Amino acid sequence: MSRLDSRSRLTRVADFLFECGMLRRTPRSGYQFLGSGAENVAEHSFRTTIIGFVLAHMAGANKERTAMLCLFHDLPEARTGDFNYVNKVYNRCEPARALADALAGTGLDGVVLPLHSELEEGGSVEAKLAHDADQLDLMLNLKEESDLGNRYADKWLDAAKERLHTPEGRELGRVIMETDHTDWWFLGPDQSWWERKNGADGAAPADAEPDPPIAPDGGTAR
């Protein structure tokens, strides 16, 4: 019997929320093989959730359910850690058990555990979109590493593309591959913003007196 069994429901909710915070300190372990890039599981889960919402909107699926599938998809890793594809050859973990233990006594198990089951079964449209969102978040990171010169990221991108299963996921994946990761900010301002230096207005007022020329002795010539 766990000593946690005697705690109140709300105390167990607090325990659970502290546990969720572990994802901020749980690194995504695959980047050690790529040689560049880094993120933690919480960062990955955040953007995956947004991608899932976007994909569901594109597909006309349930946006809220897809987002919830994405939000909780890696929560067991607060206990198991992140297993990359090499780790999985030699190690096994029990994500369903880890999630059930994390939720025990919170009153949330009846809501969250079915999400995990749906994602594992992968039969619903929303589950398929959530799986694609997971891969697209990885692809966004890999595209950035590729743009920055890591040629091995291109090999990983080729593999990740093959793991996309929905039309919406494949379409968005194609566009990600064609888009420079800096375009959203570098091309955002009008071109004159760059020419004016940090957006400052470099043009002198029409009635302004021009600066006097500099004399050889460092003074101003009049």
C-alpha atoms as a PDB file:
ATOM      1  CA  MET A   1       0.000   0.000   0.000  1.00  0.00           C
ATOM      2  CA  SER A   2       1.335   3.401  -0.992  1.00  0.00           C
ATOM      3  CA  ARG A   3       1.538   6.154   1.596  1.00  0.00           C
ATOM      4  CA  LEU A   4      -0.166   8.343  -1.001  1.00  0.00           C
ATOM      5  CA  ASP A   5      -3.383   6.336  -0.682  1.00  0.00           C
ATOM      6  CA  SER A   6      -4.436   8.167   2.477  1.00  0.00           C
ATOM      7  CA  ARG A   7      -4.090  11.644   0.983  1.00  0.00           C
ATOM      8  CA  SER A   8      -7.151  13.725   0.105  1.00  0.00           C
ATOM      9  CA  ARG A   9      -8.283  14.022  -3.499  1.00  0.00           C
ATOM     10  CA  LEU A  10      -7.215  17.666  -3.752  1.00  0.00           C
ATOM     11  CA  THR A  11      -3.821  16.875  -2.257  1.00  0.00           C
ATOM     12  CA  ARG A  12      -3.389  14.177  -4.883  1.00  0.00           C
ATOM     13  CA  VAL A  13      -4.302  16.741  -7.554  1.00  0.00           C
ATOM     14  CA  ALA A  14      -1.519  18.955  -6.185  1.00  0.00           C
ATOM     15  CA  ASP A  15       0.837  15.953  -6.300  1.00  0.00           C
ATOM     16  CA  PHE A  16      -0.170  15.364  -9.915  1.00  0.00           C
ATOM     17  CA  LEU A  17       0.470  18.970 -10.900  1.00  0.00           C
ATOM     18  CA  PHE A  18       3.920  18.874  -9.308  1.00  0.00           C
ATOM     19  CA  GLU A  19       4.567  15.710 -11.282  1.00  0.00           C
ATOM     20  CA  CYS A  20       3.526  17.426 -14.518  1.00  0.00           C
ATOM     21  CA  GLY A  21       6.257  19.952 -13.840  1.00  0.00           C
ATOM     22  CA  MET A  22       8.815  17.162 -14.182  1.00  0.00           C
ATOM     23  CA  LEU A  23       8.275  17.295 -17.942  1.00  0.00           C
ATOM     24  CA  ARG A  24      10.116  20.643 -17.936  1.00  0.00           C
ATOM     25  CA  ARG A  25      13.178  18.794 -16.671  1.00  0.00           C
ATOM     26  CA  THR A  26      12.802  15.673 -18.813  1.00  0.00           C
ATOM     27  CA  PRO A  27      14.898  16.039 -21.967  1.00  0.00           C
ATOM     28  CA  ARG A  28      13.894  14.623 -25.317  1.00  0.00           C
ATOM     29  CA  SER A  29      16.704  12.146 -25.702  1.00  0.00           C
ATOM     30  CA  GLY A  30      16.886  11.724 -29.479  1.00  0.00           C
ATOM     31  CA  TYR A  31      18.837  14.925 -30.013  1.00  0.00           C
ATOM     32  CA  GLN A  32      21.938  13.372 -28.464  1.00  0.00           C
ATOM     33  CA  PHE A  33      22.133  11.213 -31.592  1.00  0.00           C
ATOM     34  CA  LEU A  34      21.429  14.090 -33.987  1.00  0.00           C
ATOM     35  CA  GLY A  35      24.264  16.105 -32.445  1.00  0.00           C
ATOM     36  CA  SER A  36      22.375  19.406 -32.305  1.00  0.00           C
ATOM     37  CA  GLY A  37      19.082  20.729 -31.027  1.00  0.00           C
ATOM     38  CA  ALA A  38      17.512  20.272 -27.620  1.00  0.00           C
ATOM     39  CA  GLU A  39      14.118  20.465 -25.955  1.00  0.00           C
ATOM     40  CA  ASN A  40      12.286  19.044 -22.995  1.00  0.00           C
ATOM     41  CA  VAL A  41       9.076  17.027 -23.051  1.00  0.00           C
ATOM     42  CA  ALA A  42       6.956  19.950 -21.833  1.00  0.00           C
ATOM     43  CA  GLU A  43       8.130  22.113 -24.741  1.00  0.00           C
ATOM     44  CA  HIS A  44       7.397  19.313 -27.182  1.00  0.00           C
ATOM     45  CA  SER A  45       3.929  18.692 -25.716  1.00  0.00           C
ATOM     46  CA  PHE A  46       3.000  22.377 -25.912  1.00  0.00           C
ATOM     47  CA  ARG A  47       3.591  22.784 -29.637  1.00  0.00           C
ATOM     48  CA  THR A  48       2.263  19.306 -30.408  1.00  0.00           C
ATOM     49  CA  THR A  49      -1.013  20.368 -28.795  1.00  0.00           C
ATOM     50  CA  ILE A  50      -1.222  23.467 -30.982  1.00  0.00           C
ATOM     51  CA  ILE A  51      -0.381  21.454 -34.105  1.00  0.00           C
ATOM     52  CA  GLY A  52      -3.078  18.941 -33.219  1.00  0.00           C
ATOM     53  CA  PHE A  53      -5.618  21.733 -32.859  1.00  0.00           C
ATOM     54  CA  VAL A  54      -4.601  23.126 -36.266  1.00  0.00           C
ATOM     55  CA  LEU A  55      -4.757  19.725 -37.971  1.00  0.00           C
ATOM     56  CA  ALA A  56      -8.190  19.002 -36.508  1.00  0.00           C
ATOM     57  CA  HIS A  57      -9.403  22.375 -37.764  1.00  0.00           C
ATOM     58  CA  MET A  58      -8.077  21.525 -41.244  1.00  0.00           C
ATOM     59  CA  ALA A  59      -9.747  18.099 -41.133  1.00  0.00           C
ATOM     60  CA  GLY A  60     -13.060  19.221 -39.667  1.00  0.00           C
ATOM     61  CA  ALA A  61     -12.449  16.915 -36.696  1.00  0.00           C
ATOM     62  CA  ASN A  62     -12.979  17.543 -32.987  1.00  0.00           C
ATOM     63  CA  LYS A  63     -10.365  20.209 -32.224  1.00  0.00           C
ATOM     64  CA  GLU A  64     -10.716  20.080 -28.459  1.00  0.00           C
ATOM     65  CA  ARG A  65     -10.418  16.306 -28.226  1.00  0.00           C
ATOM     66  CA  THR A  66      -7.420  16.236 -30.567  1.00  0.00           C
ATOM     67  CA  ALA A  67      -5.738  18.921 -28.475  1.00  0.00           C
ATOM     68  CA  MET A  68      -6.368  16.926 -25.286  1.00  0.00           C
ATOM     69  CA  LEU A  69      -4.920  13.773 -26.852  1.00  0.00           C
ATOM     70  CA  CYS A  70      -1.795  15.754 -27.716  1.00  0.00           C
ATOM     71  CA  LEU A  71      -1.581  17.481 -24.348  1.00  0.00           C
ATOM     72  CA  PHE A  72      -1.444  14.228 -22.380  1.00  0.00           C
ATOM     73  CA  HIS A  73       0.336  12.035 -24.936  1.00  0.00           C
ATOM     74  CA  ASP A  74       3.762  12.126 -23.263  1.00  0.00           C
ATOM     75  CA  LEU A  75       2.687  12.686 -19.657  1.00  0.00           C
ATOM     76  CA  PRO A  76       3.848   9.192 -18.578  1.00  0.00           C
ATOM     77  CA  GLU A  77       7.398  10.316 -19.379  1.00  0.00           C
ATOM     78  CA  ALA A  78       7.415  12.281 -16.122  1.00  0.00           C
ATOM     79  CA  ARG A  79       7.934   8.815 -14.597  1.00  0.00           C
ATOM     80  CA  THR A  80       9.479   6.749 -17.385  1.00  0.00           C
ATOM     81  CA  GLY A  81      11.702   9.325 -19.065  1.00  0.00           C
ATOM     82  CA  ASP A  82      11.849   9.747 -22.842  1.00  0.00           C
ATOM     83  CA  PHE A  83      12.837   6.604 -24.744  1.00  0.00           C
ATOM     84  CA  ASN A  84      14.285   7.312 -28.178  1.00  0.00           C
ATOM     85  CA  TYR A  85      14.287   4.724 -30.961  1.00  0.00           C
ATOM     86  CA  VAL A  86      17.645   3.267 -29.918  1.00  0.00           C
ATOM     87  CA  ASN A  87      16.569   3.009 -26.260  1.00  0.00           C
ATOM     88  CA  LYS A  88      13.421   1.152 -27.280  1.00  0.00           C
ATOM     89  CA  VAL A  89      15.442  -1.644 -28.852  1.00  0.00           C
ATOM     90  CA  TYR A  90      16.798  -2.583 -25.425  1.00  0.00           C
ATOM     91  CA  ASN A  91      14.339  -1.168 -22.897  1.00  0.00           C
ATOM     92  CA  ARG A  92      10.656  -1.457 -22.191  1.00  0.00           C
ATOM     93  CA  CYS A  93       8.437   0.784 -20.094  1.00  0.00           C
ATOM     94  CA  GLU A  94       4.818   0.738 -18.987  1.00  0.00           C
ATOM     95  CA  PRO A  95       3.330   4.135 -19.905  1.00  0.00           C
ATOM     96  CA  ALA A  96      -0.255   3.092 -19.119  1.00  0.00           C
ATOM     97  CA  ARG A  97       0.759   1.960 -15.630  1.00  0.00           C
ATOM     98  CA  ALA A  98       2.821   5.115 -15.081  1.00  0.00           C
ATOM     99  CA  LEU A  99      -0.135   7.304 -16.052  1.00  0.00           C
ATOM    100  CA  ALA A 100      -2.568   5.316 -13.892  1.00  0.00           C
ATOM    101  CA  ASP A 101      -0.256   5.669 -10.887  1.00  0.00           C
ATOM    102  CA  ALA A 102       0.143   9.397 -11.504  1.00  0.00           C
ATOM    103  CA  LEU A 103      -3.631   9.868 -11.612  1.00  0.00           C
ATOM    104  CA  ALA A 104      -4.520   7.590  -8.697  1.00  0.00           C
ATOM    105  CA  GLY A 105      -6.640   9.396  -6.130  1.00  0.00           C
ATOM    106  CA  THR A 106      -7.022  12.572  -8.226  1.00  0.00           C
ATOM    107  CA  GLY A 107     -10.458  11.786  -9.640  1.00  0.00           C
ATOM    108  CA  LEU A 108      -9.036  12.531 -13.101  1.00  0.00           C
ATOM    109  CA  ASP A 109      -8.329   8.976 -14.159  1.00  0.00           C
ATOM    110  CA  GLY A 110     -11.768   8.507 -15.708  1.00  0.00           C
ATOM    111  CA  VAL A 111     -11.096  11.463 -18.010  1.00  0.00           C
ATOM    112  CA  VAL A 112      -7.403  11.119 -18.847  1.00  0.00           C
ATOM    113  CA  LEU A 113      -6.872   7.344 -19.077  1.00  0.00           C
ATOM    114  CA  PRO A 114      -9.400   6.975 -21.936  1.00  0.00           C
ATOM    115  CA  LEU A 115      -7.381   9.567 -23.867  1.00  0.00           C
ATOM    116  CA  HIS A 116      -4.274   7.424 -23.520  1.00  0.00           C
ATOM    117  CA  SER A 117      -6.192   4.316 -24.611  1.00  0.00           C
ATOM    118  CA  GLU A 118      -7.650   6.106 -27.631  1.00  0.00           C
ATOM    119  CA  LEU A 119      -4.222   7.312 -28.683  1.00  0.00           C
ATOM    120  CA  GLU A 120      -2.670   3.855 -28.279  1.00  0.00           C
ATOM    121  CA  GLU A 121      -5.459   2.204 -30.284  1.00  0.00           C
ATOM    122  CA  GLY A 122      -5.119   4.883 -32.972  1.00  0.00           C
ATOM    123  CA  GLY A 123      -8.488   4.172 -34.537  1.00  0.00           C
ATOM    124  CA  SER A 124     -10.202   7.551 -34.288  1.00  0.00           C
ATOM    125  CA  VAL A 125      -9.599  10.442 -36.653  1.00  0.00           C
ATOM    126  CA  GLU A 126      -8.514  12.539 -33.690  1.00  0.00           C
ATOM    127  CA  ALA A 127      -5.955   9.922 -32.593  1.00  0.00           C
ATOM    128  CA  LYS A 128      -4.490   9.781 -36.098  1.00  0.00           C
ATOM    129  CA  LEU A 129      -4.240  13.564 -36.176  1.00  0.00           C
ATOM    130  CA  ALA A 130      -2.589  13.584 -32.742  1.00  0.00           C
ATOM    131  CA  HIS A 131       0.002  11.055 -33.914  1.00  0.00           C
ATOM    132  CA  ASP A 132       0.736  13.254 -36.935  1.00  0.00           C
ATOM    133  CA  ALA A 133       0.992  16.320 -34.698  1.00  0.00           C
ATOM    134  CA  ASP A 134       3.635  14.493 -32.662  1.00  0.00           C
ATOM    135  CA  GLN A 135       5.683  13.863 -35.810  1.00  0.00           C
ATOM    136  CA  LEU A 136       5.163  17.355 -37.216  1.00  0.00           C
ATOM    137  CA  ASP A 137       6.559  18.943 -34.074  1.00  0.00           C
ATOM    138  CA  LEU A 138       9.671  16.821 -34.545  1.00  0.00           C
ATOM    139  CA  MET A 139       9.791  17.813 -38.217  1.00  0.00           C
ATOM    140  CA  LEU A 140       9.659  21.504 -37.344  1.00  0.00           C
ATOM    141  CA  ASN A 141      12.664  21.082 -35.064  1.00  0.00           C
ATOM    142  CA  LEU A 142      14.522  18.999 -37.631  1.00  0.00           C
ATOM    143  CA  LYS A 143      13.834  21.539 -40.382  1.00  0.00           C
ATOM    144  CA  GLU A 144      15.362  24.241 -38.209  1.00  0.00           C
ATOM    145  CA  GLU A 145      18.448  22.092 -37.589  1.00  0.00           C
ATOM    146  CA  SER A 146      18.663  21.369 -41.320  1.00  0.00           C
ATOM    147  CA  ASP A 147      18.441  25.078 -42.156  1.00  0.00           C
ATOM    148  CA  LEU A 148      21.265  25.685 -39.695  1.00  0.00           C
ATOM    149  CA  GLY A 149      23.489  23.190 -41.469  1.00  0.00           C
ATOM    150  CA  ASN A 150      23.041  19.795 -39.811  1.00  0.00           C
ATOM    151  CA  ARG A 151      22.877  17.513 -42.857  1.00  0.00           C
ATOM    152  CA  TYR A 152      21.922  14.519 -40.726  1.00  0.00           C
ATOM    153  CA  ALA A 153      18.632  16.248 -39.916  1.00  0.00           C
ATOM    154  CA  ASP A 154      17.657  15.696 -43.564  1.00  0.00           C
ATOM    155  CA  LYS A 155      17.847  11.917 -43.064  1.00  0.00           C
ATOM    156  CA  TRP A 156      15.660  12.171 -39.995  1.00  0.00           C
ATOM    157  CA  LEU A 157      13.176  14.335 -41.907  1.00  0.00           C
ATOM    158  CA  ASP A 158      12.893  11.700 -44.643  1.00  0.00           C
ATOM    159  CA  ALA A 159      12.014   9.104 -41.999  1.00  0.00           C
ATOM    160  CA  ALA A 160       9.566  11.377 -40.168  1.00  0.00           C
ATOM    161  CA  LYS A 161       7.658  12.133 -43.389  1.00  0.00           C
ATOM    162  CA  GLU A 162       6.928   8.431 -43.821  1.00  0.00           C
ATOM    163  CA  ARG A 163       5.259   8.337 -40.394  1.00  0.00           C
ATOM    164  CA  LEU A 164       2.548  10.844 -41.381  1.00  0.00           C
ATOM    165  CA  HIS A 165      -0.776   9.136 -42.058  1.00  0.00           C
ATOM    166  CA  THR A 166      -3.489  11.757 -42.523  1.00  0.00           C
ATOM    167  CA  PRO A 167      -3.931  13.902 -45.642  1.00  0.00           C
ATOM    168  CA  GLU A 168      -3.768  17.017 -43.479  1.00  0.00           C
ATOM    169  CA  GLY A 169      -0.577  15.862 -41.786  1.00  0.00           C
ATOM    170  CA  ARG A 170       1.120  15.043 -45.083  1.00  0.00           C
ATOM    171  CA  GLU A 171       0.071  18.359 -46.612  1.00  0.00           C
ATOM    172  CA  LEU A 172       1.350  20.377 -43.667  1.00  0.00           C
ATOM    173  CA  GLY A 173       4.528  18.282 -43.580  1.00  0.00           C
ATOM    174  CA  ARG A 174       5.192  19.067 -47.238  1.00  0.00           C
ATOM    175  CA  VAL A 175       4.857  22.798 -46.640  1.00  0.00           C
ATOM    176  CA  ILE A 176       7.093  22.634 -43.551  1.00  0.00           C
ATOM    177  CA  MET A 177       9.795  21.045 -45.711  1.00  0.00           C
ATOM    178  CA  GLU A 178       9.528  23.906 -48.200  1.00  0.00           C
ATOM    179  CA  THR A 179       9.544  26.751 -45.658  1.00  0.00           C
ATOM    180  CA  ASP A 180      12.617  28.446 -44.217  1.00  0.00           C
ATOM    181  CA  HIS A 181      12.259  28.497 -40.444  1.00  0.00           C
ATOM    182  CA  THR A 182      13.213  32.206 -40.289  1.00  0.00           C
ATOM    183  CA  ASP A 183      10.685  33.467 -42.836  1.00  0.00           C
ATOM    184  CA  TRP A 184       7.974  34.203 -40.271  1.00  0.00           C
ATOM    185  CA  TRP A 185      10.051  36.982 -38.701  1.00  0.00           C
ATOM    186  CA  PHE A 186      12.636  37.903 -41.334  1.00  0.00           C
ATOM    187  CA  LEU A 187      10.090  38.549 -44.082  1.00  0.00           C
ATOM    188  CA  GLY A 188       7.468  40.000 -41.746  1.00  0.00           C
ATOM    189  CA  PRO A 189       8.441  43.692 -41.702  1.00  0.00           C
ATOM    190  CA  ASP A 190       8.391  45.826 -44.817  1.00  0.00           C
ATOM    191  CA  GLN A 191      11.775  45.772 -46.561  1.00  0.00           C
ATOM    192  CA  SER A 192      12.293  49.422 -45.665  1.00  0.00           C
ATOM    193  CA  TRP A 193      12.277  48.386 -41.987  1.00  0.00           C
ATOM    194  CA  TRP A 194      15.675  46.762 -42.513  1.00  0.00           C
ATOM    195  CA  GLU A 195      16.949  49.649 -44.653  1.00  0.00           C
ATOM    196  CA  ARG A 196      16.040  52.187 -41.958  1.00  0.00           C
ATOM    197  CA  LYS A 197      18.095  50.220 -39.395  1.00  0.00           C
ATOM    198  CA  ASN A 198      15.960  48.617 -36.693  1.00  0.00           C
ATOM    199  CA  GLY A 199      12.872  50.414 -37.888  1.00  0.00           C
ATOM    200  CA  ALA A 200      14.155  53.921 -37.104  1.00  0.00           C
ATOM    201  CA  ASP A 201      13.176  56.590 -39.574  1.00  0.00           C
ATOM    202  CA  GLY A 202      16.460  57.460 -41.268  1.00  0.00           C
ATOM    203  CA  ALA A 203      15.094  60.219 -43.468  1.00  0.00           C
ATOM    204  CA  ALA A 204      15.953  63.765 -42.307  1.00  0.00           C
ATOM    205  CA  PRO A 205      13.115  66.306 -42.169  1.00  0.00           C
ATOM    206  CA  ALA A 206      12.826  68.423 -45.300  1.00  0.00           C
ATOM    207  CA  ASP A 207      13.717  71.667 -43.454  1.00  0.00           C
ATOM    208  CA  ALA A 208      16.555  70.185 -41.428  1.00  0.00           C
ATOM    209  CA  GLU A 209      19.988  71.771 -41.800  1.00  0.00           C
ATOM    210  CA  PRO A 210      22.524  69.242 -43.117  1.00  0.00           C
ATOM    211  CA  ASP A 211      25.400  68.200 -40.874  1.00  0.00           C
ATOM    212  CA  PRO A 212      28.528  70.314 -41.492  1.00  0.00           C
ATOM    213  CA  PRO A 213      31.506  68.549 -43.097  1.00  0.00           C
ATOM    214  CA  ILE A 214      34.295  67.290 -40.851  1.00  0.00           C
ATOM    215  CA  ALA A 215      37.537  69.312 -41.027  1.00  0.00           C
ATOM    216  CA  PRO A 216      40.934  67.522 -41.176  1.00  0.00           C
ATOM    217  CA  ASP A 217      41.675  68.561 -37.579  1.00  0.00           C
ATOM    218  CA  GLY A 218      38.549  66.835 -36.347  1.00  0.00           C
ATOM    219  CA  GLY A 219      36.518  70.050 -36.031  1.00  0.00           C
ATOM    220  CA  THR A 220      33.713  71.160 -38.294  1.00  0.00           C
ATOM    221  CA  ALA A 221      34.316  73.221 -41.385  1.00  0.00           C
ATOM    222  CA  ARG A 222      31.976  76.128 -42.128  1.00  0.00           C
END
